[in-house]
């Protein structure tokens, strides 16, 4: 019997909760949260995709990911070494 899968994180976790967590990371100077370069200047002004938009888009594209684990791993990977 196969393990049940999530219907997608938007159904299980409110998008606002994810955006709030990403906003906290972005506003905290202890984390490296630079905008990401994108080649489509019409869609992304200045060829910059915001940190929040990038990770929210990634989570929407991968609905089987657990957003809590994703955010926890993101915190570990982006923490500045002091």
Foldseek 3Di string as FASTA:
>chain_A
DDDDFDPFVVVVPPPVVLLVLQVVQVVDPQFDFAWDAAPPCVVPPVRTHGSSRVVSVVSRVPRRDDSVVVSVVRCVVGGDDD
